[in-house]
């Protein structure tokens, strides 16, 4: 085998080893947050057109699949933090 073939083989093996390493890290510690309770992490829910149709399914929201993006998670399958504004009043102090 020539040096070019050995270089390509070494590159291919290192790419494969890197992919296995990344997969093992992702399996141990997922970056995503908690699963969405509305869609159970799939990111898709039953489309309204399939609920009230006469057997056919298909609209712009689901493109004919009968499943549309979850409105709770936006189709990501993970929970989204809800922005909350907390206001705090200063305690009433007696006059000095």
PDB file of N, CA and C in Angstrom:
ATOM      1  N   UNK A   1       0.843  -1.176   0.000  1.00  0.00           N
ATOM      2  CA  UNK A   1       0.000   0.000   0.000  1.00  0.00           C
ATOM      3  C   UNK A   1       0.887   1.236   0.000  1.00  0.00           C
ATOM      4  N   UNK A   2       0.440   2.194  -0.765  1.00  0.00           N
ATOM      5  CA  UNK A   2       1.178   3.430  -0.851  1.00  0.00           C
ATOM      6  C   UNK A   2       0.849   4.368   0.300  1.00  0.00           C
ATOM      7  N   UNK A   3       1.623   5.431   0.412  1.00  0.00           N
ATOM      8  CA  UNK A   3       1.405   6.374   1.520  1.00  0.00           C
ATOM      9  C   UNK A   3       0.058   7.101   1.427  1.00  0.00           C
ATOM     10  N   UNK A   4      -0.453   7.298   0.212  1.00  0.00           N
ATOM     11  CA  UNK A   4      -1.738   7.991   0.065  1.00  0.00           C
ATOM     12  C   UNK A   4      -2.869   7.119   0.598  1.00  0.00           C
ATOM     13  N   UNK A   5      -2.809   5.829   0.303  1.00  0.00           N
ATOM     14  CA  UNK A   5      -3.838   4.906   0.780  1.00  0.00           C
ATOM     15  C   UNK A   5      -3.805   4.817   2.295  1.00  0.00           C
ATOM     16  N   UNK A   6      -2.626   4.765   2.881  1.00  0.00           N
ATOM     17  CA  UNK A   6      -2.506   4.708   4.335  1.00  0.00           C
ATOM     18  C   UNK A   6      -3.025   5.990   4.981  1.00  0.00           C
ATOM     19  N   UNK A   7      -2.780   7.126   4.366  1.00  0.00           N
ATOM     20  CA  UNK A   7      -3.279   8.400   4.885  1.00  0.00           C
ATOM     21  C   UNK A   7      -4.797   8.444   4.845  1.00  0.00           C
ATOM     22  N   UNK A   8      -5.372   7.994   3.747  1.00  0.00           N
ATOM     23  CA  UNK A   8      -6.829   7.974   3.643  1.00  0.00           C
ATOM     24  C   UNK A   8      -7.449   6.996   4.641  1.00  0.00           C
ATOM     25  N   UNK A   9      -6.810   5.869   4.841  1.00  0.00           N
ATOM     26  CA  UNK A   9      -7.303   4.886   5.798  1.00  0.00           C
ATOM     27  C   UNK A   9      -7.252   5.453   7.218  1.00  0.00           C
ATOM     28  N   UNK A  10      -6.156   6.105   7.564  1.00  0.00           N
ATOM     29  CA  UNK A  10      -6.024   6.704   8.896  1.00  0.00           C
ATOM     30  C   UNK A  10      -7.052   7.815   9.096  1.00  0.00           C
ATOM     31  N   UNK A  11      -7.306   8.611   8.071  1.00  0.00           N
ATOM     32  CA  UNK A  11      -8.308   9.676   8.167  1.00  0.00           C
ATOM     33  C   UNK A  11      -9.697   9.093   8.363  1.00  0.00           C
ATOM     34  N   UNK A  12     -10.026   8.080   7.612  1.00  0.00           N
ATOM     35  CA  UNK A  12     -11.329   7.441   7.746  1.00  0.00           C
ATOM     36  C   UNK A  12     -11.542   6.836   9.128  1.00  0.00           C
ATOM     37  N   UNK A  13     -10.506   6.178   9.649  1.00  0.00           N
ATOM     38  CA  UNK A  13     -10.617   5.587  10.985  1.00  0.00           C
ATOM     39  C   UNK A  13     -10.756   6.662  12.064  1.00  0.00           C
ATOM     40  N   UNK A  14     -10.071   7.780  11.904  1.00  0.00           N
ATOM     41  CA  UNK A  14     -10.185   8.848  12.907  1.00  0.00           C
ATOM     42  C   UNK A  14     -11.566   9.508  12.857  1.00  0.00           C
ATOM     43  N   UNK A  15     -12.136   9.655  11.668  1.00  0.00           N
ATOM     44  CA  UNK A  15     -13.489  10.196  11.558  1.00  0.00           C
ATOM     45  C   UNK A  15     -14.484   9.244  12.217  1.00  0.00           C
ATOM     46  N   UNK A  16     -14.335   7.960  11.988  1.00  0.00           N
ATOM     47  CA  UNK A  16     -15.214   6.969  12.590  1.00  0.00           C
ATOM     48  C   UNK A  16     -15.080   6.971  14.112  1.00  0.00           C
ATOM     49  N   UNK A  17     -13.862   7.047  14.614  1.00  0.00           N
ATOM     50  CA  UNK A  17     -13.651   7.084  16.064  1.00  0.00           C
ATOM     51  C   UNK A  17     -14.252   8.351  16.668  1.00  0.00           C
ATOM     52  N   UNK A  18     -14.133   9.463  15.983  1.00  0.00           N
ATOM     53  CA  UNK A  18     -14.723  10.714  16.465  1.00  0.00           C
ATOM     54  C   UNK A  18     -16.234  10.632  16.520  1.00  0.00           C
ATOM     55  N   UNK A  19     -16.848  10.026  15.519  1.00  0.00           N
ATOM     56  CA  UNK A  19     -18.304   9.880  15.509  1.00  0.00           C
ATOM     57  C   UNK A  19     -18.772   8.997  16.651  1.00  0.00           C
ATOM     58  N   UNK A  20     -18.053   7.920  16.922  1.00  0.00           N
ATOM     59  CA  UNK A  20     -18.406   7.033  18.036  1.00  0.00           C
ATOM     60  C   UNK A  20     -18.264   7.774  19.361  1.00  0.00           C
ATOM     61  N   UNK A  21     -17.239   8.582  19.500  1.00  0.00           N
ATOM     62  CA  UNK A  21     -17.025   9.352  20.728  1.00  0.00           C
ATOM     63  C   UNK A  21     -18.143  10.375  20.942  1.00  0.00           C
ATOM     64  N   UNK A  22     -18.510  11.085  19.894  1.00  0.00           N
ATOM     65  CA  UNK A  22     -19.583  12.077  20.001  1.00  0.00           C
ATOM     66  C   UNK A  22     -20.906  11.389  20.339  1.00  0.00           C
ATOM     67  N   UNK A  23     -21.189  10.249  19.724  1.00  0.00           N
ATOM     68  CA  UNK A  23     -22.426   9.528  20.012  1.00  0.00           C
ATOM     69  C   UNK A  23     -22.464   9.065  21.457  1.00  0.00           C
ATOM     70  N   UNK A  24     -21.363   8.569  21.970  1.00  0.00           N
ATOM     71  CA  UNK A  24     -21.360   8.099  23.360  1.00  0.00           C
ATOM     72  C   UNK A  24     -21.555   9.256  24.336  1.00  0.00           C
ATOM     73  N   UNK A  25     -20.992  10.410  24.042  1.00  0.00           N
ATOM     74  CA  UNK A  25     -21.187  11.577  24.905  1.00  0.00           C
ATOM     75  C   UNK A  25     -22.634  12.041  24.845  1.00  0.00           C
ATOM     76  N   UNK A  26     -23.232  12.061  23.658  1.00  0.00           N
ATOM     77  CA  UNK A  26     -24.618  12.489  23.513  1.00  0.00           C
ATOM     78  C   UNK A  26     -25.575  11.516  24.210  1.00  0.00           C
ATOM     79  N   UNK A  27     -25.269  10.227  24.207  1.00  0.00           N
ATOM     80  CA  UNK A  27     -26.119   9.251  24.874  1.00  0.00           C
ATOM     81  C   UNK A  27     -26.066   9.395  26.391  1.00  0.00           C
ATOM     82  N   UNK A  28     -24.906   9.770  26.912  1.00  0.00           N
ATOM     83  CA  UNK A  28     -24.757   9.899  28.356  1.00  0.00           C
ATOM     84  C   UNK A  28     -25.360  11.191  28.882  1.00  0.00           C
ATOM     85  N   UNK A  29     -25.183  12.276  28.166  1.00  0.00           N
ATOM     86  CA  UNK A  29     -25.636  13.580  28.639  1.00  0.00           C
ATOM     87  C   UNK A  29     -26.287  14.335  27.497  1.00  0.00           C
ATOM     88  N   UNK A  30     -27.592  14.160  27.303  1.00  0.00           N
ATOM     89  CA  UNK A  30     -28.248  14.881  26.219  1.00  0.00           C
ATOM     90  C   UNK A  30     -28.273  16.378  26.500  1.00  0.00           C
ATOM     91  N   UNK A  31     -28.126  17.179  25.447  1.00  0.00           N
ATOM     92  CA  UNK A  31     -28.115  18.616  25.592  1.00  0.00           C
ATOM     93  C   UNK A  31     -29.524  19.196  25.675  1.00  0.00           C
ATOM     94  N   UNK A  32     -30.476  18.445  25.222  1.00  0.00           N
ATOM     95  CA  UNK A  32     -31.842  18.955  25.211  1.00  0.00           C
ATOM     96  C   UNK A  32     -32.420  18.952  26.610  1.00  0.00           C
ATOM     97  N   UNK A  33     -33.417  19.770  26.809  1.00  0.00           N
ATOM     98  CA  UNK A  33     -34.079  19.867  28.095  1.00  0.00           C
ATOM     99  C   UNK A  33     -35.074  18.735  28.273  1.00  0.00           C
ATOM    100  N   UNK A  34     -36.007  18.914  29.179  1.00  0.00           N
ATOM    101  CA  UNK A  34     -37.007  17.870  29.409  1.00  0.00           C
ATOM    102  C   UNK A  34     -37.930  17.715  28.211  1.00  0.00           C
ATOM    103  N   UNK A  35     -38.485  16.523  28.076  1.00  0.00           N
ATOM    104  CA  UNK A  35     -39.383  16.249  26.954  1.00  0.00           C
ATOM    105  C   UNK A  35     -40.671  17.049  27.100  1.00  0.00           C
ATOM    106  N   UNK A  36     -41.209  17.435  25.985  1.00  0.00           N
ATOM    107  CA  UNK A  36     -42.463  18.176  25.963  1.00  0.00           C
ATOM    108  C   UNK A  36     -43.601  17.235  26.389  1.00  0.00           C
ATOM    109  N   UNK A  37     -44.417  17.633  27.364  1.00  0.00           N
ATOM    110  CA  UNK A  37     -45.498  16.748  27.800  1.00  0.00           C
ATOM    111  C   UNK A  37     -46.638  16.636  26.782  1.00  0.00           C
ATOM    112  N   UNK A  38     -46.774  17.602  25.890  1.00  0.00           N
ATOM    113  CA  UNK A  38     -47.876  17.555  24.920  1.00  0.00           C
ATOM    114  C   UNK A  38     -47.640  16.537  23.809  1.00  0.00           C
ATOM    115  N   UNK A  39     -46.394  16.443  23.339  1.00  0.00           N
ATOM    116  CA  UNK A  39     -46.095  15.537  22.217  1.00  0.00           C
ATOM    117  C   UNK A  39     -45.192  14.370  22.622  1.00  0.00           C
ATOM    118  N   UNK A  40     -44.840  14.271  23.900  1.00  0.00           N
ATOM    119  CA  UNK A  40     -43.946  13.220  24.425  1.00  0.00           C
ATOM    120  C   UNK A  40     -42.592  13.210  23.722  1.00  0.00           C
ATOM    121  N   UNK A  41     -42.119  14.384  23.315  1.00  0.00           N
ATOM    122  CA  UNK A  41     -40.793  14.491  22.737  1.00  0.00           C
ATOM    123  C   UNK A  41     -40.711  14.260  21.249  1.00  0.00           C
ATOM    124  N   UNK A  42     -41.828  13.989  20.584  1.00  0.00           N
ATOM    125  CA  UNK A  42     -41.783  13.734  19.144  1.00  0.00           C
ATOM    126  C   UNK A  42     -41.758  15.026  18.341  1.00  0.00           C
ATOM    127  N   UNK A  43     -42.314  16.095  18.911  1.00  0.00           N
ATOM    128  CA  UNK A  43     -42.387  17.365  18.192  1.00  0.00           C
ATOM    129  C   UNK A  43     -43.579  17.454  17.250  1.00  0.00           C
ATOM    130  N   UNK A  44     -44.380  16.390  17.164  1.00  0.00           N
ATOM    131  CA  UNK A  44     -45.544  16.358  16.269  1.00  0.00           C
ATOM    132  C   UNK A  44     -46.770  15.911  17.058  1.00  0.00           C
ATOM    133  N   UNK A  45     -47.909  16.480  16.727  1.00  0.00           N
ATOM    134  CA  UNK A  45     -49.189  16.090  17.325  1.00  0.00           C
ATOM    135  C   UNK A  45     -50.193  15.866  16.205  1.00  0.00           C
ATOM    136  N   UNK A  46     -51.310  15.227  16.544  1.00  0.00           N
ATOM    137  CA  UNK A  46     -52.346  14.979  15.539  1.00  0.00           C
ATOM    138  C   UNK A  46     -52.875  16.309  15.014  1.00  0.00           C
ATOM    139  N   UNK A  47     -53.001  16.412  13.712  1.00  0.00           N
ATOM    140  CA  UNK A  47     -53.460  17.650  13.078  1.00  0.00           C
ATOM    141  C   UNK A  47     -54.968  17.776  13.229  1.00  0.00           C
ATOM    142  N   UNK A  48     -55.423  19.007  13.303  1.00  0.00           N
ATOM    143  CA  UNK A  48     -56.854  19.256  13.438  1.00  0.00           C
ATOM    144  C   UNK A  48     -57.636  18.740  12.235  1.00  0.00           C
ATOM    145  N   UNK A  49     -57.032  18.733  11.065  1.00  0.00           N
ATOM    146  CA  UNK A  49     -57.757  18.282   9.874  1.00  0.00           C
ATOM    147  C   UNK A  49     -58.063  16.787   9.940  1.00  0.00           C
ATOM    148  N   UNK A  50     -57.265  16.017  10.670  1.00  0.00           N
ATOM    149  CA  UNK A  50     -57.530  14.584  10.772  1.00  0.00           C
ATOM    150  C   UNK A  50     -58.550  14.277  11.860  1.00  0.00           C
ATOM    151  N   UNK A  51     -58.779  15.221  12.782  1.00  0.00           N
ATOM    152  CA  UNK A  51     -59.746  14.982  13.852  1.00  0.00           C
ATOM    153  C   UNK A  51     -61.184  15.114  13.370  1.00  0.00           C
ATOM    154  N   UNK A  52     -61.438  16.059  12.480  1.00  0.00           N
ATOM    155  CA  UNK A  52     -62.806  16.323  12.063  1.00  0.00           C
ATOM    156  C   UNK A  52     -63.038  16.044  10.586  1.00  0.00           C
ATOM    157  N   UNK A  53     -62.252  15.170  10.021  1.00  0.00           N
ATOM    158  CA  UNK A  53     -62.429  14.888   8.598  1.00  0.00           C
ATOM    159  C   UNK A  53     -63.273  13.632   8.410  1.00  0.00           C
ATOM    160  N   UNK A  54     -63.606  13.375   7.183  1.00  0.00           N
ATOM    161  CA  UNK A  54     -64.392  12.189   6.861  1.00  0.00           C
ATOM    162  C   UNK A  54     -63.516  11.065   6.306  1.00  0.00           C
ATOM    163  N   UNK A  55     -62.312  10.966   6.833  1.00  0.00           N
ATOM    164  CA  UNK A  55     -61.417   9.897   6.395  1.00  0.00           C
ATOM    165  C   UNK A  55     -60.215  10.401   5.631  1.00  0.00           C
ATOM    166  N   UNK A  56     -60.339  11.559   5.027  1.00  0.00           N
ATOM    167  CA  UNK A  56     -59.184  12.098   4.328  1.00  0.00           C
ATOM    168  C   UNK A  56     -58.435  13.031   5.282  1.00  0.00           C
ATOM    169  N   UNK A  57     -57.163  13.199   5.031  1.00  0.00           N
ATOM    170  CA  UNK A  57     -56.347  14.086   5.860  1.00  0.00           C
ATOM    171  C   UNK A  57     -55.460  14.898   4.944  1.00  0.00           C
ATOM    172  N   UNK A  58     -55.243  16.108   5.318  1.00  0.00           N
ATOM    173  CA  UNK A  58     -54.338  16.928   4.543  1.00  0.00           C
ATOM    174  C   UNK A  58     -54.715  18.386   4.599  1.00  0.00           C
ATOM    175  N   UNK A  59     -53.782  19.193   5.005  1.00  0.00           N
ATOM    176  CA  UNK A  59     -53.959  20.642   5.027  1.00  0.00           C
ATOM    177  C   UNK A  59     -52.572  21.267   4.962  1.00  0.00           C
ATOM    178  N   UNK A  60     -52.518  22.565   5.015  1.00  0.00           N
ATOM    179  CA  UNK A  60     -51.235  23.247   4.922  1.00  0.00           C
ATOM    180  C   UNK A  60     -50.371  22.992   6.156  1.00  0.00           C
ATOM    181  N   UNK A  61     -50.995  22.861   7.319  1.00  0.00           N
ATOM    182  CA  UNK A  61     -50.241  22.674   8.560  1.00  0.00           C
ATOM    183  C   UNK A  61     -49.526  21.323   8.612  1.00  0.00           C
ATOM    184  N   UNK A  62     -50.161  20.279   8.072  1.00  0.00           N
ATOM    185  CA  UNK A  62     -49.562  18.942   8.160  1.00  0.00           C
ATOM    186  C   UNK A  62     -49.035  18.420   6.830  1.00  0.00           C
ATOM    187  N   UNK A  63     -49.286  19.115   5.760  1.00  0.00           N
ATOM    188  CA  UNK A  63     -48.831  18.699   4.419  1.00  0.00           C
ATOM    189  C   UNK A  63     -49.327  17.304   4.054  1.00  0.00           C
ATOM    190  N   UNK A  64     -50.515  16.956   4.535  1.00  0.00           N
ATOM    191  CA  UNK A  64     -51.095  15.672   4.175  1.00  0.00           C
ATOM    192  C   UNK A  64     -50.682  14.511   5.056  1.00  0.00           C
ATOM    193  N   UNK A  65     -49.828  14.739   6.051  1.00  0.00           N
ATOM    194  CA  UNK A  65     -49.379  13.640   6.899  1.00  0.00           C
ATOM    195  C   UNK A  65     -50.326  13.351   8.043  1.00  0.00           C
ATOM    196  N   UNK A  66     -51.194  14.299   8.396  1.00  0.00           N
ATOM    197  CA  UNK A  66     -52.080  14.118   9.528  1.00  0.00           C
ATOM    198  C   UNK A  66     -51.445  14.477  10.850  1.00  0.00           C
ATOM    199  N   UNK A  67     -50.182  14.898  10.831  1.00  0.00           N
ATOM    200  CA  UNK A  67     -49.461  15.303  12.044  1.00  0.00           C
ATOM    201  C   UNK A  67     -48.837  16.668  11.811  1.00  0.00           C
ATOM    202  N   UNK A  68     -49.053  17.585  12.746  1.00  0.00           N
ATOM    203  CA  UNK A  68     -48.498  18.924  12.605  1.00  0.00           C
ATOM    204  C   UNK A  68     -47.534  19.201  13.751  1.00  0.00           C
ATOM    205  N   UNK A  69     -46.772  20.277  13.644  1.00  0.00           N
ATOM    206  CA  UNK A  69     -45.808  20.632  14.675  1.00  0.00           C
ATOM    207  C   UNK A  69     -46.531  20.950  15.979  1.00  0.00           C
ATOM    208  N   UNK A  70     -45.964  20.515  17.066  1.00  0.00           N
ATOM    209  CA  UNK A  70     -46.546  20.739  18.385  1.00  0.00           C
ATOM    210  C   UNK A  70     -46.486  22.228  18.718  1.00  0.00           C
ATOM    211  N   UNK A  71     -47.613  22.772  19.184  1.00  0.00           N
ATOM    212  CA  UNK A  71     -47.641  24.197  19.510  1.00  0.00           C
ATOM    213  C   UNK A  71     -47.019  24.483  20.872  1.00  0.00           C
ATOM    214  N   UNK A  72     -46.884  23.474  21.720  1.00  0.00           N
ATOM    215  CA  UNK A  72     -46.296  23.688  23.042  1.00  0.00           C
ATOM    216  C   UNK A  72     -44.788  23.834  22.988  1.00  0.00           C
ATOM    217  N   UNK A  73     -44.139  23.049  22.130  1.00  0.00           N
ATOM    218  CA  UNK A  73     -42.672  23.091  22.066  1.00  0.00           C
ATOM    219  C   UNK A  73     -42.161  23.662  20.750  1.00  0.00           C
ATOM    220  N   UNK A  74     -43.063  23.993  19.838  1.00  0.00           N
ATOM    221  CA  UNK A  74     -42.633  24.537  18.555  1.00  0.00           C
ATOM    222  C   UNK A  74     -42.048  23.495  17.617  1.00  0.00           C
ATOM    223  N   UNK A  75     -42.278  22.224  17.896  1.00  0.00           N
ATOM    224  CA  UNK A  75     -41.768  21.160  17.044  1.00  0.00           C
ATOM    225  C   UNK A  75     -40.399  20.647  17.448  1.00  0.00           C
ATOM    226  N   UNK A  76     -39.844  21.141  18.557  1.00  0.00           N
ATOM    227  CA  UNK A  76     -38.519  20.689  18.983  1.00  0.00           C
ATOM    228  C   UNK A  76     -38.576  19.404  19.789  1.00  0.00           C
ATOM    229  N   UNK A  77     -39.707  19.149  20.455  1.00  0.00           N
ATOM    230  CA  UNK A  77     -39.823  17.956  21.278  1.00  0.00           C
ATOM    231  C   UNK A  77     -39.331  18.142  22.697  1.00  0.00           C
ATOM    232  N   UNK A  78     -38.775  19.297  22.996  1.00  0.00           N
ATOM    233  CA  UNK A  78     -38.292  19.577  24.343  1.00  0.00           C
ATOM    234  C   UNK A  78     -39.070  20.733  24.926  1.00  0.00           C
ATOM    235  N   UNK A  79     -39.128  20.780  26.229  1.00  0.00           N
ATOM    236  CA  UNK A  79     -39.826  21.863  26.899  1.00  0.00           C
ATOM    237  C   UNK A  79     -39.120  23.185  26.674  1.00  0.00           C
ATOM    238  N   UNK A  80     -39.905  24.246  26.627  1.00  0.00           N
ATOM    239  CA  UNK A  80     -39.342  25.578  26.467  1.00  0.00           C
ATOM    240  C   UNK A  80     -39.534  26.353  27.756  1.00  0.00           C
ATOM    241  N   UNK A  81     -38.527  27.095  28.181  1.00  0.00           N
ATOM    242  CA  UNK A  81     -38.722  27.905  29.378  1.00  0.00           C
ATOM    243  C   UNK A  81     -39.703  29.032  29.102  1.00  0.00           C
ATOM    244  N   UNK A  82     -40.558  29.292  30.050  1.00  0.00           N
ATOM    245  CA  UNK A  82     -41.536  30.362  29.918  1.00  0.00           C
ATOM    246  C   UNK A  82     -40.955  31.618  30.551  1.00  0.00           C
ATOM    247  N   UNK A  83     -40.861  32.706  29.772  1.00  0.00           N
ATOM    248  CA  UNK A  83     -40.315  33.926  30.360  1.00  0.00           C
ATOM    249  C   UNK A  83     -41.284  34.507  31.386  1.00  0.00           C
ATOM    250  N   UNK A  84     -40.762  34.821  32.537  1.00  0.00           N
ATOM    251  CA  UNK A  84     -41.565  35.356  33.620  1.00  0.00           C
ATOM    252  C   UNK A  84     -40.911  36.633  34.118  1.00  0.00           C
ATOM    253  N   UNK A  85     -41.717  37.640  34.364  1.00  0.00           N
ATOM    254  CA  UNK A  85     -41.206  38.882  34.915  1.00  0.00           C
ATOM    255  C   UNK A  85     -41.600  38.939  36.383  1.00  0.00           C
ATOM    256  N   UNK A  86     -40.602  39.025  37.241  1.00  0.00           N
ATOM    257  CA  UNK A  86     -40.840  39.055  38.674  1.00  0.00           C
ATOM    258  C   UNK A  86     -40.626  40.479  39.161  1.00  0.00           C
ATOM    259  N   UNK A  87     -41.623  41.002  39.834  1.00  0.00           N
ATOM    260  CA  UNK A  87     -41.483  42.347  40.382  1.00  0.00           C
ATOM    261  C   UNK A  87     -41.405  42.242  41.901  1.00  0.00           C
ATOM    262  N   UNK A  88     -40.617  43.110  42.478  1.00  0.00           N
ATOM    263  CA  UNK A  88     -40.433  43.076  43.916  1.00  0.00           C
ATOM    264  C   UNK A  88     -40.638  44.474  44.466  1.00  0.00           C
ATOM    265  N   UNK A  89     -41.511  44.583  45.443  1.00  0.00           N
ATOM    266  CA  UNK A  89     -41.727  45.871  46.088  1.00  0.00           C
ATOM    267  C   UNK A  89     -40.813  45.985  47.289  1.00  0.00           C
ATOM    268  N   UNK A  90     -40.393  47.190  47.542  1.00  0.00           N
ATOM    269  CA  UNK A  90     -39.571  47.393  48.739  1.00  0.00           C
ATOM    270  C   UNK A  90     -40.468  47.301  49.964  1.00  0.00           C
ATOM    271  N   UNK A  91     -39.953  46.740  51.039  1.00  0.00           N
ATOM    272  CA  UNK A  91     -40.774  46.572  52.236  1.00  0.00           C
ATOM    273  C   UNK A  91     -41.156  47.948  52.810  1.00  0.00           C
ATOM    274  N   UNK A  92     -42.333  48.000  53.419  1.00  0.00           N
ATOM    275  CA  UNK A  92     -42.779  49.249  54.052  1.00  0.00           C
ATOM    276  C   UNK A  92     -41.947  49.489  55.313  1.00  0.00           C
ATOM    277  N   UNK A  93     -41.320  50.612  55.344  1.00  0.00           N
ATOM    278  CA  UNK A  93     -40.495  50.955  56.499  1.00  0.00           C
ATOM    279  C   UNK A  93     -41.174  52.103  57.258  1.00  0.00           C
ATOM    280  N   UNK A  94     -41.140  52.026  58.548  1.00  0.00           N
ATOM    281  CA  UNK A  94     -41.723  53.139  59.307  1.00  0.00           C
ATOM    282  C   UNK A  94     -40.893  54.398  59.118  1.00  0.00           C
ATOM    283  N   UNK A  95     -41.535  55.587  59.121  1.00  0.00           N
ATOM    284  CA  UNK A  95     -40.775  56.827  58.936  1.00  0.00           C
ATOM    285  C   UNK A  95     -39.818  57.058  60.097  1.00  0.00           C
ATOM    286  N   UNK A  96     -38.665  57.640  59.809  1.00  0.00           N
ATOM    287  CA  UNK A  96     -37.658  57.881  60.840  1.00  0.00           C
ATOM    288  C   UNK A  96     -37.812  59.214  61.485  1.00  0.00           C
TER     289      UNK A  96
END
